[in-house]
Amino acid sequence: MSDTPTTEKLQQQIEDLQSQLEIMTNTAKRTMADLQNLQKRTQIERLQLYPQAQADLMIEFLPVIDNFQRAFENIPESLKTDNWVQGMTQIEKQFTDILNKTGLEEIVPDTDFNPNEHEALVEVEGEKNHVIQVFEKGYRFKNKVIRPAKVSVGNSPAGPSDELRSA
């Protein structure tokens, strides 16, 4: 017997190596597909996370806006022309302008109560299902309500114009 491999042994080694190559090629292809799927999933998650992070930040700014507005509503008449007050007014305007440019918008209460944009805190005498008073402004960010307006809603079945017509 000689030490040189026979043709059959060489053929078997070739088949074994081809089999191993096929297994490794398939493993590499699966790994590449997994990597591409991970990259796509990560990209999608990032695209979903970014707007949510922005909305969360806007929610954090809302009390600051509320406090500015409350402060300006309570400035004594004698101080309204004061330079410092005027400067603070400009800062508040600049701040809200920046937030508006990024997609924040105030919910302007229509006369009709909208449960998607308003939170009814109390029912009062007034035209049924109409916003009577706004206690706290509501806001949308990129067309999604991030804080509903807190309002009072009328509970009378007939509005003032209906009462006049029936008299």
Protein backbone atom coordinates (compact mmCIF):
# COMPACT_ATOMS: atom_id res chain seq x y z
CA MET A 1 0.00 0.00 0.00
CA SER A 2 1.24 3.41 -0.85
CA ASP A 3 0.89 6.62 1.08
CA THR A 4 -0.54 8.47 -1.89
CA PRO A 5 -4.30 8.90 -1.81
CA THR A 6 -6.33 7.07 -4.34
CA THR A 7 -8.68 8.78 -6.73
CA GLU A 8 -11.64 7.66 -4.65
CA LYS A 9 -10.18 9.18 -1.49
CA LEU A 10 -9.40 12.43 -3.30
CA GLN A 11 -12.91 12.52 -4.73
CA GLN A 12 -14.33 11.97 -1.21
CA GLN A 13 -12.17 14.79 0.19
CA ILE A 14 -13.36 17.10 -2.61
CA GLU A 15 -16.99 16.24 -1.84
CA ASP A 16 -16.42 16.79 1.89
CA LEU A 17 -14.78 20.17 1.23
CA GLN A 18 -17.59 21.18 -1.14
CA SER A 19 -20.14 20.19 1.49
CA GLN A 20 -18.31 22.23 4.14
CA LEU A 21 -18.06 25.17 1.72
CA GLU A 22 -21.80 24.98 1.03
CA ILE A 23 -22.57 24.90 4.77
CA MET A 24 -20.26 27.87 5.41
CA THR A 25 -21.69 29.79 2.44
CA ASN A 26 -25.24 29.21 3.68
CA THR A 27 -24.21 30.24 7.20
CA ALA A 28 -22.60 33.42 5.83
CA LYS A 29 -25.72 34.21 3.77
CA ARG A 30 -27.98 33.71 6.80
CA THR A 31 -25.70 35.84 8.93
CA MET A 32 -25.73 38.61 6.31
CA ALA A 33 -29.53 38.40 6.08
CA ASP A 34 -29.78 38.57 9.88
CA LEU A 35 -27.49 41.61 9.90
CA GLN A 36 -29.54 43.36 7.22
CA ASN A 37 -32.77 42.58 9.10
CA LEU A 38 -31.23 43.95 12.30
CA GLN A 39 -30.16 47.12 10.49
CA LYS A 40 -33.66 47.58 9.03
CA ARG A 41 -35.30 46.93 12.41
CA THR A 42 -32.93 49.36 14.12
CA GLN A 43 -33.65 52.01 11.49
CA ILE A 44 -37.41 51.56 11.92
CA GLU A 45 -37.11 51.73 15.71
CA ARG A 46 -34.98 54.87 15.44
CA LEU A 47 -37.53 56.49 13.12
CA GLN A 48 -40.31 55.64 15.58
CA LEU A 49 -38.34 56.67 18.67
CA TYR A 50 -37.28 60.10 17.40
CA PRO A 51 -40.80 61.56 17.03
CA GLN A 52 -41.81 60.09 20.39
CA ALA A 53 -38.76 61.65 22.05
CA GLN A 54 -39.67 64.99 20.45
CA ALA A 55 -43.26 64.71 21.70
CA ASP A 56 -42.05 63.82 25.20
CA LEU A 57 -39.81 66.90 25.18
CA MET A 58 -42.71 69.09 24.05
CA ILE A 59 -44.82 67.75 26.92
CA GLU A 60 -42.06 68.82 29.31
CA PHE A 61 -42.13 72.35 27.84
CA LEU A 62 -45.91 72.81 28.24
CA PRO A 63 -45.79 73.82 31.94
CA VAL A 64 -43.15 76.43 31.04
CA ILE A 65 -45.48 77.88 28.40
CA ASP A 66 -48.37 77.80 30.90
CA ASN A 67 -46.29 79.59 33.54
CA PHE A 68 -45.18 82.29 31.10
CA GLN A 69 -48.80 82.90 30.12
CA ARG A 70 -49.99 82.97 33.74
CA ALA A 71 -47.23 85.41 34.63
CA PHE A 72 -48.11 87.73 31.75
CA GLU A 73 -51.82 87.61 32.62
CA ASN A 74 -51.02 88.83 36.13
CA ILE A 75 -48.62 91.68 35.34
CA PRO A 76 -49.87 94.89 36.95
CA GLU A 77 -50.85 97.59 34.45
CA SER A 78 -48.11 99.86 35.78
CA LEU A 79 -45.42 97.32 34.79
CA LYS A 80 -46.68 96.31 31.34
CA THR A 81 -44.51 98.93 29.62
CA ASP A 82 -41.42 98.13 31.70
CA ASN A 83 -38.40 97.19 29.54
CA TRP A 84 -37.70 94.05 31.56
CA VAL A 85 -41.29 92.86 31.12
CA GLN A 86 -41.13 93.65 27.40
CA GLY A 87 -37.89 91.65 27.17
CA MET A 88 -39.49 88.66 28.91
CA THR A 89 -42.45 88.93 26.53
CA GLN A 90 -40.07 88.75 23.58
CA ILE A 91 -38.27 85.73 25.08
CA GLU A 92 -41.60 83.93 25.56
CA LYS A 93 -42.61 84.75 21.97
CA GLN A 94 -39.27 83.51 20.64
CA PHE A 95 -39.62 80.30 22.67
CA THR A 96 -43.15 79.57 21.45
CA ASP A 97 -42.22 80.46 17.85
CA ILE A 98 -39.42 77.88 17.93
CA LEU A 99 -41.76 75.24 19.36
CA ASN A 100 -44.40 76.08 16.75
CA LYS A 101 -41.85 75.69 13.95
CA THR A 102 -41.03 72.19 15.20
CA GLY A 103 -44.70 71.17 15.04
CA LEU A 104 -46.31 72.27 18.32
CA GLU A 105 -49.69 73.91 17.92
CA GLU A 106 -52.26 75.13 20.39
CA ILE A 107 -55.67 73.48 20.23
CA VAL A 108 -58.04 76.35 19.61
CA PRO A 109 -61.30 75.26 21.21
CA ASP A 110 -64.15 75.37 18.75
CA THR A 111 -67.60 75.89 20.10
CA ASP A 112 -68.33 72.16 19.87
CA PHE A 113 -66.86 69.79 22.44
CA ASN A 114 -64.51 67.28 20.81
CA PRO A 115 -63.53 64.38 23.12
CA ASN A 116 -60.41 63.80 21.01
CA GLU A 117 -59.11 67.29 21.78
CA HIS A 118 -60.89 68.34 24.96
CA GLU A 119 -61.12 66.95 28.47
CA ALA A 120 -64.39 67.96 30.13
CA LEU A 121 -63.71 68.80 33.76
CA VAL A 122 -67.19 70.03 34.60
CA GLU A 123 -70.62 70.54 33.06
CA VAL A 124 -72.13 73.99 33.47
CA GLU A 125 -75.22 75.79 32.31
CA GLY A 126 -74.85 76.62 28.67
CA GLU A 127 -75.46 75.29 25.19
CA LYS A 128 -75.29 71.50 25.28
CA ASN A 129 -71.96 69.96 24.23
CA HIS A 130 -70.35 73.35 23.63
CA VAL A 131 -67.10 74.48 25.23
CA ILE A 132 -67.99 77.19 27.72
CA GLN A 133 -64.61 77.88 29.33
CA VAL A 134 -61.00 76.73 28.87
CA PHE A 135 -59.17 76.00 32.13
CA GLU A 136 -55.94 74.78 30.55
CA LYS A 137 -54.90 75.05 26.92
CA GLY A 138 -54.43 71.89 24.92
CA TYR A 139 -51.69 71.17 22.40
CA ARG A 140 -50.97 69.01 19.37
CA PHE A 141 -47.52 68.00 18.23
CA LYS A 142 -47.26 67.07 14.58
CA ASN A 143 -51.06 66.63 14.42
CA LYS A 144 -51.17 64.32 17.46
CA VAL A 145 -52.83 65.53 20.66
CA ILE A 146 -50.21 65.56 23.41
CA ARG A 147 -52.39 67.36 25.95
CA PRO A 148 -56.14 67.84 25.60
CA ALA A 149 -57.62 71.23 26.50
CA LYS A 150 -59.25 71.10 29.93
CA VAL A 151 -62.68 72.70 29.55
CA SER A 152 -66.15 73.15 30.95
CA VAL A 153 -69.00 71.95 28.75
CA GLY A 154 -72.58 73.18 28.52
CA ASN A 155 -75.32 70.80 29.64
CA SER A 156 -78.53 72.66 28.75
CA PRO A 157 -80.60 71.00 26.03
CA ALA A 158 -81.36 74.27 24.23
CA GLY A 159 -78.99 77.08 23.40
CA PRO A 160 -79.88 80.74 23.94
CA SER A 161 -80.97 81.18 20.31
CA ASP A 162 -83.39 78.21 20.62
CA GLU A 163 -84.98 79.75 23.71
CA LEU A 164 -85.55 83.06 21.90
CA ARG A 165 -87.22 81.32 18.94
CA SER A 166 -89.65 79.45 21.19
CA ALA A 167 -90.78 82.64 23.02
